[in-house]
N, C-alpha and C. Protein backbone atom coordinates (compact mmCIF):
# COMPACT_ATOMS: atom_id res chain seq x y z
N UNK A 1 209.30 -14.72 105.90
CA UNK A 1 208.16 -15.19 106.53
C UNK A 1 207.22 -15.84 105.54
N UNK A 2 206.75 -16.90 105.79
CA UNK A 2 205.77 -17.65 104.91
C UNK A 2 204.34 -17.00 104.91
N UNK A 3 203.68 -16.67 103.96
CA UNK A 3 202.37 -16.25 103.97
C UNK A 3 201.48 -17.55 103.71
N UNK A 4 200.49 -17.73 104.37
CA UNK A 4 199.58 -18.81 104.13
C UNK A 4 198.63 -18.45 103.02
N UNK A 5 198.10 -19.46 102.28
CA UNK A 5 197.20 -19.32 101.31
C UNK A 5 195.86 -18.35 101.74
N UNK A 6 195.40 -18.75 103.00
CA UNK A 6 194.23 -18.10 103.47
C UNK A 6 194.53 -16.65 103.77
N UNK A 7 195.77 -16.33 104.21
CA UNK A 7 196.14 -14.99 104.46
C UNK A 7 196.24 -14.12 103.14
N UNK A 8 196.69 -14.63 102.22
CA UNK A 8 196.86 -14.16 100.84
C UNK A 8 195.50 -13.79 100.19
N UNK A 9 194.56 -14.79 100.29
CA UNK A 9 193.18 -14.66 99.70
C UNK A 9 192.50 -13.63 100.67
N UNK A 10 192.71 -13.55 101.94
CA UNK A 10 192.03 -12.57 102.75
C UNK A 10 192.55 -11.20 102.34
N UNK A 11 193.89 -10.91 102.07
CA UNK A 11 194.37 -9.69 101.80
C UNK A 11 193.73 -9.20 100.42
N UNK A 12 193.55 -10.02 99.49
CA UNK A 12 192.90 -9.72 98.14
C UNK A 12 191.36 -9.37 98.47
N UNK A 13 190.76 -10.21 99.25
CA UNK A 13 189.36 -10.02 99.56
C UNK A 13 189.13 -8.56 100.16
N UNK A 14 189.96 -8.22 101.18
CA UNK A 14 190.02 -7.00 101.87
C UNK A 14 190.15 -5.78 100.87
N UNK A 15 191.22 -5.94 99.96
CA UNK A 15 191.55 -4.82 99.04
C UNK A 15 190.58 -4.67 97.91
N UNK A 16 189.91 -5.84 97.46
CA UNK A 16 189.07 -5.69 96.30
C UNK A 16 187.64 -6.05 96.51
N UNK A 17 187.26 -6.71 97.60
CA UNK A 17 185.90 -7.26 97.78
C UNK A 17 184.92 -6.12 97.75
N UNK A 18 185.17 -4.86 98.16
CA UNK A 18 184.20 -3.80 98.23
C UNK A 18 183.89 -3.32 96.73
N UNK A 19 184.62 -3.68 95.82
CA UNK A 19 184.40 -3.01 94.38
C UNK A 19 183.16 -3.52 93.87
N UNK A 20 182.32 -2.54 93.29
CA UNK A 20 181.10 -2.87 92.69
C UNK A 20 181.24 -3.42 91.38
N UNK A 21 180.37 -4.37 90.99
CA UNK A 21 180.44 -5.10 89.65
C UNK A 21 180.22 -3.98 88.51
N UNK A 22 181.12 -3.98 87.59
CA UNK A 22 180.94 -3.16 86.40
C UNK A 22 179.65 -3.47 85.60
N UNK A 23 179.16 -2.46 84.97
CA UNK A 23 178.00 -2.89 83.99
C UNK A 23 178.54 -3.66 82.84
N UNK A 24 179.55 -3.43 82.36
CA UNK A 24 180.26 -4.13 81.31
C UNK A 24 181.75 -4.33 81.57
N UNK A 25 182.23 -5.54 81.15
CA UNK A 25 183.77 -5.79 81.32
C UNK A 25 184.54 -5.60 80.07
N UNK A 26 184.01 -5.68 78.94
CA UNK A 26 184.84 -5.58 77.75
C UNK A 26 184.23 -4.47 76.80
N UNK A 27 184.91 -4.32 75.71
CA UNK A 27 184.38 -3.40 74.71
C UNK A 27 183.31 -4.33 73.91
N UNK A 28 182.17 -4.57 74.42
CA UNK A 28 181.34 -5.52 73.93
C UNK A 28 180.70 -5.23 72.55
N UNK A 29 180.84 -3.94 72.18
CA UNK A 29 180.19 -3.66 70.77
C UNK A 29 181.44 -3.83 69.64
N UNK A 30 182.53 -4.29 70.13
CA UNK A 30 183.72 -4.31 69.20
C UNK A 30 183.54 -5.48 68.19
N UNK A 31 183.16 -6.69 68.71
CA UNK A 31 183.10 -7.76 67.89
C UNK A 31 182.35 -8.89 68.75
N UNK A 32 182.07 -10.05 68.08
CA UNK A 32 181.23 -11.07 68.65
C UNK A 32 182.10 -11.76 69.74
N UNK A 33 183.40 -11.96 69.67
CA UNK A 33 184.23 -12.47 70.74
C UNK A 33 184.13 -11.59 72.07
N UNK A 34 184.24 -10.15 71.93
CA UNK A 34 184.20 -9.34 72.99
C UNK A 34 182.78 -9.38 73.63
N UNK A 35 181.74 -9.42 72.88
CA UNK A 35 180.41 -9.58 73.25
C UNK A 35 180.12 -10.84 74.15
N UNK A 36 180.71 -11.90 73.62
CA UNK A 36 180.50 -13.20 74.28
C UNK A 36 181.28 -13.12 75.69
N UNK A 37 182.50 -12.64 75.67
CA UNK A 37 183.18 -12.69 76.95
C UNK A 37 182.57 -11.58 77.93
N UNK A 38 182.00 -10.62 77.35
CA UNK A 38 181.23 -9.61 78.27
C UNK A 38 180.07 -10.23 78.93
N UNK A 39 179.28 -11.04 78.08
CA UNK A 39 178.06 -11.67 78.58
C UNK A 39 178.41 -12.65 79.70
N UNK A 40 179.46 -13.43 79.47
CA UNK A 40 179.87 -14.54 80.40
C UNK A 40 180.17 -13.75 81.75
N UNK A 41 181.07 -12.72 81.76
CA UNK A 41 181.59 -11.96 83.03
C UNK A 41 180.28 -11.36 83.54
N UNK A 42 179.32 -10.79 82.78
CA UNK A 42 178.23 -10.16 83.39
C UNK A 42 177.31 -11.15 84.01
N UNK A 43 177.17 -12.31 83.54
CA UNK A 43 176.36 -13.44 84.16
C UNK A 43 176.95 -14.21 85.25
N UNK A 44 178.07 -13.88 85.59
CA UNK A 44 178.73 -14.60 86.82
C UNK A 44 178.94 -13.61 87.92
N UNK A 45 179.26 -13.96 89.13
CA UNK A 45 179.71 -13.17 90.19
C UNK A 45 180.94 -13.77 90.82
N UNK A 46 181.27 -13.15 91.88
CA UNK A 46 182.58 -13.81 92.45
C UNK A 46 182.50 -15.11 92.96
N UNK A 47 181.32 -15.51 93.28
CA UNK A 47 181.21 -16.85 93.78
C UNK A 47 180.98 -17.86 92.63
N UNK A 48 180.48 -17.49 91.54
CA UNK A 48 180.15 -18.53 90.55
C UNK A 48 181.14 -18.57 89.35
N UNK A 49 182.24 -17.60 89.27
CA UNK A 49 183.17 -17.61 88.24
C UNK A 49 183.91 -18.99 88.51
N UNK A 50 184.19 -19.76 87.46
CA UNK A 50 184.82 -21.13 87.55
C UNK A 50 186.11 -21.12 86.66
N UNK A 51 186.76 -22.33 86.82
CA UNK A 51 187.87 -22.64 85.96
C UNK A 51 187.41 -22.70 84.53
N UNK A 52 186.26 -23.26 84.39
CA UNK A 52 185.76 -23.52 82.98
C UNK A 52 185.48 -22.21 82.33
N UNK A 53 185.15 -21.15 83.07
CA UNK A 53 185.01 -19.77 82.56
C UNK A 53 186.27 -19.13 82.11
N UNK A 54 187.42 -19.24 82.95
CA UNK A 54 188.70 -18.51 82.68
C UNK A 54 189.86 -19.47 82.44
N UNK A 55 189.81 -20.66 82.57
CA UNK A 55 190.92 -21.56 82.60
C UNK A 55 191.49 -21.94 81.23
N UNK A 56 190.81 -21.59 80.03
CA UNK A 56 191.42 -21.83 78.75
C UNK A 56 192.25 -20.64 78.23
N UNK A 57 193.55 -20.77 78.21
CA UNK A 57 194.26 -19.51 77.78
C UNK A 57 194.00 -19.11 76.37
N UNK A 58 193.39 -20.04 75.47
CA UNK A 58 193.06 -19.50 74.25
C UNK A 58 191.86 -18.85 74.10
N UNK A 59 190.99 -18.99 75.16
CA UNK A 59 189.62 -18.38 75.11
C UNK A 59 189.27 -17.89 76.64
N UNK A 60 190.03 -16.86 76.95
CA UNK A 60 189.94 -16.37 78.42
C UNK A 60 189.32 -14.97 78.34
N UNK A 61 188.13 -14.80 79.04
CA UNK A 61 187.59 -13.45 78.89
C UNK A 61 188.39 -12.38 79.65
N UNK A 62 189.27 -12.77 80.65
CA UNK A 62 190.09 -11.71 81.38
C UNK A 62 191.11 -11.10 80.46
N UNK A 63 191.32 -11.71 79.31
CA UNK A 63 192.31 -10.96 78.32
C UNK A 63 191.63 -9.82 77.82
N UNK A 64 190.39 -9.85 77.84
CA UNK A 64 189.58 -8.70 77.04
C UNK A 64 188.91 -7.78 78.14
N UNK A 65 188.99 -8.22 79.32
CA UNK A 65 188.41 -7.39 80.38
C UNK A 65 189.07 -6.01 80.60
N UNK A 66 188.28 -4.98 81.07
CA UNK A 66 188.89 -3.85 81.49
C UNK A 66 189.65 -4.10 82.79
N UNK A 67 190.48 -3.12 83.21
CA UNK A 67 191.16 -3.20 84.50
C UNK A 67 190.05 -3.21 85.74
N UNK A 68 189.01 -2.45 85.51
CA UNK A 68 187.98 -2.32 86.49
C UNK A 68 187.22 -3.66 86.61
N UNK A 69 187.13 -4.45 85.54
CA UNK A 69 186.41 -5.74 85.52
C UNK A 69 187.36 -6.77 86.20
N UNK A 70 188.66 -6.67 85.82
CA UNK A 70 189.61 -7.67 86.43
C UNK A 70 189.73 -7.33 87.89
N UNK A 71 189.80 -6.15 88.30
CA UNK A 71 189.92 -5.81 89.77
C UNK A 71 188.61 -6.38 90.43
N UNK A 72 187.44 -6.24 89.90
CA UNK A 72 186.21 -6.74 90.48
C UNK A 72 186.37 -8.30 90.78
N UNK A 73 187.00 -9.02 89.78
CA UNK A 73 187.12 -10.50 90.01
C UNK A 73 188.34 -10.84 90.58
N UNK A 74 189.25 -9.99 91.09
CA UNK A 74 190.54 -10.46 91.65
C UNK A 74 190.32 -11.50 92.72
N UNK A 75 189.31 -11.29 93.72
CA UNK A 75 189.14 -12.30 94.76
C UNK A 75 188.95 -13.73 94.20
N UNK A 76 188.13 -13.79 93.07
CA UNK A 76 187.88 -15.06 92.38
C UNK A 76 189.09 -15.55 91.68
N UNK A 77 189.79 -14.79 91.11
CA UNK A 77 191.06 -15.19 90.35
C UNK A 77 192.07 -15.78 91.44
N UNK A 78 192.08 -14.99 92.58
CA UNK A 78 193.23 -15.44 93.70
C UNK A 78 192.78 -16.97 94.10
N UNK A 79 191.50 -17.08 94.32
CA UNK A 79 191.14 -18.45 94.79
C UNK A 79 191.46 -19.58 93.73
N UNK A 80 191.20 -19.17 92.50
CA UNK A 80 191.55 -20.12 91.39
C UNK A 80 193.00 -20.50 91.29
N UNK A 81 193.85 -19.43 91.73
CA UNK A 81 195.37 -19.77 91.77
C UNK A 81 195.76 -20.71 92.73
N UNK A 82 194.89 -20.91 93.70
CA UNK A 82 195.20 -21.83 94.84
C UNK A 82 194.41 -23.18 94.75
N UNK A 83 193.58 -23.28 93.67
CA UNK A 83 192.68 -24.46 93.71
C UNK A 83 193.32 -25.42 92.67
N UNK A 84 193.19 -26.66 92.94
CA UNK A 84 193.61 -27.77 92.02
C UNK A 84 192.78 -27.64 90.73
N UNK A 85 193.38 -27.50 89.68
CA UNK A 85 192.64 -27.51 88.33
C UNK A 85 191.80 -28.70 88.06
N UNK A 86 190.63 -28.60 87.50
CA UNK A 86 189.90 -29.79 87.07
C UNK A 86 190.62 -30.53 85.87
N UNK A 87 190.19 -31.73 85.67
CA UNK A 87 190.82 -32.48 84.59
C UNK A 87 190.77 -31.64 83.24
N UNK A 88 191.87 -31.66 82.61
CA UNK A 88 191.87 -30.89 81.32
C UNK A 88 192.31 -29.54 81.34
N UNK A 89 192.57 -29.00 82.60
CA UNK A 89 192.87 -27.68 82.79
C UNK A 89 194.34 -27.57 83.52
N UNK A 90 195.06 -26.50 83.17
CA UNK A 90 196.38 -26.34 83.92
C UNK A 90 196.19 -25.37 85.05
N UNK A 91 197.28 -25.23 85.87
CA UNK A 91 197.29 -24.43 86.95
C UNK A 91 196.86 -22.97 86.45
N UNK A 92 195.93 -22.30 87.26
CA UNK A 92 195.43 -21.01 86.79
C UNK A 92 196.44 -19.93 87.22
N UNK A 93 197.33 -20.16 88.24
CA UNK A 93 198.28 -19.10 88.66
C UNK A 93 199.18 -18.67 87.53
N UNK A 94 199.49 -19.45 86.50
CA UNK A 94 200.27 -19.17 85.39
C UNK A 94 199.58 -18.13 84.48
N UNK A 95 198.28 -18.28 84.27
CA UNK A 95 197.51 -17.42 83.41
C UNK A 95 197.33 -16.04 84.30
N UNK A 96 197.13 -16.25 85.55
CA UNK A 96 197.06 -14.96 86.46
C UNK A 96 198.36 -14.12 86.36
N UNK A 97 199.40 -14.80 86.38
CA UNK A 97 200.70 -14.12 86.19
C UNK A 97 200.73 -13.28 84.86
N UNK A 98 200.19 -13.80 83.86
CA UNK A 98 200.21 -13.10 82.57
C UNK A 98 199.32 -11.79 82.78
N UNK A 99 198.29 -11.79 83.40
CA UNK A 99 197.46 -10.68 83.81
C UNK A 99 198.11 -9.69 84.67
N UNK A 100 198.95 -10.22 85.48
CA UNK A 100 199.61 -9.25 86.57
C UNK A 100 201.03 -8.76 86.04
N UNK A 101 201.56 -9.49 85.06
CA UNK A 101 202.83 -9.17 84.72
C UNK A 101 203.05 -8.52 83.35
N UNK A 102 202.10 -8.73 82.46
CA UNK A 102 202.11 -8.23 81.05
C UNK A 102 202.19 -6.65 81.08
N UNK A 103 203.14 -6.14 80.48
CA UNK A 103 203.32 -4.72 80.34
C UNK A 103 204.12 -3.98 81.56
N UNK A 104 204.52 -4.86 82.36
CA UNK A 104 205.46 -4.33 83.60
C UNK A 104 204.64 -3.19 84.32
N UNK A 105 205.37 -1.98 84.56
CA UNK A 105 204.80 -1.04 85.30
C UNK A 105 203.63 -0.32 84.58
N UNK A 106 203.42 -0.63 83.24
CA UNK A 106 202.34 -0.11 82.47
C UNK A 106 201.16 -1.12 82.37
N UNK A 107 201.20 -2.12 83.24
CA UNK A 107 200.19 -3.15 83.21
C UNK A 107 198.89 -2.45 83.56
N UNK A 108 197.88 -2.69 82.86
CA UNK A 108 196.51 -2.04 83.08
C UNK A 108 195.92 -2.17 84.37
N UNK A 109 196.11 -3.40 85.08
CA UNK A 109 195.64 -3.49 86.42
C UNK A 109 196.48 -2.81 87.38
N UNK A 110 197.85 -2.89 87.23
CA UNK A 110 198.70 -2.16 88.16
C UNK A 110 198.51 -0.73 88.21
N UNK A 111 198.31 -0.18 87.04
CA UNK A 111 198.00 1.31 86.92
C UNK A 111 196.66 1.76 87.51
N UNK A 112 195.71 0.65 87.47
CA UNK A 112 194.36 1.00 87.93
C UNK A 112 194.34 0.83 89.54
N UNK A 113 195.07 0.11 90.09
CA UNK A 113 195.02 -0.26 91.63
C UNK A 113 195.67 0.76 92.40
N UNK A 114 195.07 1.01 93.73
CA UNK A 114 195.68 1.82 94.70
C UNK A 114 196.83 1.13 95.40
N UNK A 115 197.43 1.78 96.35
CA UNK A 115 198.54 1.33 96.97
C UNK A 115 198.13 -0.05 97.82
N UNK A 116 197.02 0.00 98.50
CA UNK A 116 196.57 -1.23 99.33
C UNK A 116 196.23 -2.40 98.35
N UNK A 117 195.69 -2.07 97.29
CA UNK A 117 195.45 -3.19 96.24
C UNK A 117 196.69 -3.71 95.69
N UNK A 118 197.69 -2.90 95.45
CA UNK A 118 198.90 -3.31 94.94
C UNK A 118 199.66 -4.16 95.94
N UNK A 119 199.61 -3.78 97.18
CA UNK A 119 200.19 -4.59 98.35
C UNK A 119 199.55 -5.88 98.47
N UNK A 120 198.21 -6.00 98.25
CA UNK A 120 197.49 -7.37 98.41
C UNK A 120 197.91 -8.19 97.36
N UNK A 121 198.08 -7.64 96.03
CA UNK A 121 198.45 -8.55 94.93
C UNK A 121 199.93 -8.92 95.15
N UNK A 122 200.78 -8.15 95.77
CA UNK A 122 202.16 -8.47 96.05
C UNK A 122 202.12 -9.60 97.13
N UNK A 123 201.25 -9.70 98.12
CA UNK A 123 201.11 -10.70 98.97
C UNK A 123 200.64 -11.96 98.30
N UNK A 124 199.71 -11.82 97.30
CA UNK A 124 199.22 -13.00 96.54
C UNK A 124 200.33 -13.67 95.74
N UNK A 125 201.10 -12.78 95.07
CA UNK A 125 202.22 -13.31 94.24
C UNK A 125 203.36 -13.96 95.22
N UNK A 126 203.49 -13.43 96.37
CA UNK A 126 204.49 -13.96 97.24
C UNK A 126 203.97 -15.31 97.73
N UNK A 127 202.78 -15.40 97.98
CA UNK A 127 202.24 -16.75 98.50
C UNK A 127 202.30 -17.68 97.41
N UNK A 128 202.10 -17.39 96.17
CA UNK A 128 202.18 -18.30 95.05
C UNK A 128 203.67 -18.85 94.85
N UNK A 129 204.52 -17.86 95.08
CA UNK A 129 206.02 -18.20 94.90
C UNK A 129 206.30 -19.16 96.00
N UNK A 130 205.84 -18.93 97.30
CA UNK A 130 206.22 -19.84 98.30
C UNK A 130 205.52 -21.17 98.32
N UNK A 131 204.17 -21.16 97.98
CA UNK A 131 203.39 -22.40 98.12
C UNK A 131 203.21 -23.19 96.84
N UNK A 132 203.34 -22.48 95.60
CA UNK A 132 203.16 -23.18 94.41
C UNK A 132 204.53 -23.36 93.60
N UNK A 133 205.52 -23.66 94.32
CA UNK A 133 206.79 -23.83 93.81
C UNK A 133 206.94 -24.80 92.61
N UNK A 134 206.30 -25.96 92.78
CA UNK A 134 206.23 -27.10 91.81
C UNK A 134 205.69 -26.58 90.55
N UNK A 135 204.55 -25.95 90.65
CA UNK A 135 203.82 -25.54 89.49
C UNK A 135 204.50 -24.32 88.79
N UNK A 136 205.14 -23.45 89.44
CA UNK A 136 205.92 -22.39 88.86
C UNK A 136 207.10 -23.03 88.11
N UNK A 137 207.74 -23.99 88.77
CA UNK A 137 208.96 -24.63 88.17
C UNK A 137 208.60 -25.34 86.87
N UNK A 138 207.36 -25.92 86.92
CA UNK A 138 206.90 -26.77 85.83
C UNK A 138 206.57 -25.81 84.62
N UNK A 139 206.25 -24.65 84.84
CA UNK A 139 206.04 -23.72 83.78
C UNK A 139 207.41 -22.89 83.31
N UNK A 140 208.36 -22.97 84.11
CA UNK A 140 209.61 -22.46 83.81
C UNK A 140 209.44 -20.84 84.04
N UNK A 141 208.56 -20.49 84.94
CA UNK A 141 208.29 -19.08 84.99
C UNK A 141 208.78 -18.42 86.38
N UNK A 142 209.83 -19.04 86.86
CA UNK A 142 210.36 -18.46 88.16
C UNK A 142 210.82 -17.00 88.07
N UNK A 143 211.56 -16.65 87.03
CA UNK A 143 211.88 -15.26 86.90
C UNK A 143 210.82 -14.37 86.65
N UNK A 144 209.76 -14.69 85.99
CA UNK A 144 208.59 -13.97 85.71
C UNK A 144 207.87 -13.64 87.04
N UNK A 145 207.78 -14.63 87.86
CA UNK A 145 206.96 -14.47 89.08
C UNK A 145 207.76 -13.52 90.10
N UNK A 146 209.10 -13.70 90.05
CA UNK A 146 209.88 -12.75 90.81
C UNK A 146 209.89 -11.38 90.47
N UNK A 147 209.88 -11.12 89.01
CA UNK A 147 209.75 -9.78 88.53
C UNK A 147 208.49 -9.23 88.70
N UNK A 148 207.34 -10.07 88.61
CA UNK A 148 206.10 -9.59 88.95
C UNK A 148 205.93 -9.09 90.37
N UNK A 149 206.59 -9.97 91.32
CA UNK A 149 206.52 -9.51 92.71
C UNK A 149 207.28 -8.14 92.90
N UNK A 150 208.37 -7.95 92.21
CA UNK A 150 208.98 -6.72 92.39
C UNK A 150 208.28 -5.50 91.89
N UNK A 151 207.48 -5.75 90.75
CA UNK A 151 206.64 -4.58 90.28
C UNK A 151 205.47 -4.33 91.33
N UNK A 152 204.84 -5.39 91.78
CA UNK A 152 203.64 -5.10 92.63
C UNK A 152 203.98 -4.79 94.09
N UNK A 153 205.16 -5.20 94.53
CA UNK A 153 205.59 -4.89 95.91
C UNK A 153 206.41 -3.65 96.09
N UNK A 154 207.21 -3.41 95.03
CA UNK A 154 208.21 -2.30 95.12
C UNK A 154 208.04 -1.28 94.06
N UNK A 155 207.15 -1.47 93.03
CA UNK A 155 207.07 -0.46 91.96
C UNK A 155 208.28 -0.45 90.99
N UNK A 156 208.97 -1.67 90.89
CA UNK A 156 210.21 -1.66 90.23
C UNK A 156 210.14 -2.70 89.11
N UNK A 157 210.48 -2.49 87.95
CA UNK A 157 210.43 -3.50 86.89
C UNK A 157 211.69 -4.25 86.80
């Protein structure tokens, strides 16, 4: 059964939308880069986070974010995965895959999430697989998306 984009986003909103915004997102005292990423994420909210904030894989604050911070922004990241990227940016879903798949069952977000949140992310990944086939094929990441789905939907690596 095909899941519509709106259903996937609604599932993520329901599972993550109640989370409070963390005071900090990174280990901001570690270095200047961590402090800069923390400041950006602290100065945005779910409605104002943009491609320009997270769309550069070489300078993306989510790579430095805690699981709590990433969970807070999951509704925003889900929307970006279904939004056409602005000029100069690639499809955000591939970057999101990195955050959802890196580390397999030891992924920091996966271990942070409860069962309902894991199920919502499985719905999101399934929707990306069904609706963003061309983008997934363009990145050659079909197997990674399928394995990520298995992790989030079934707890199997």
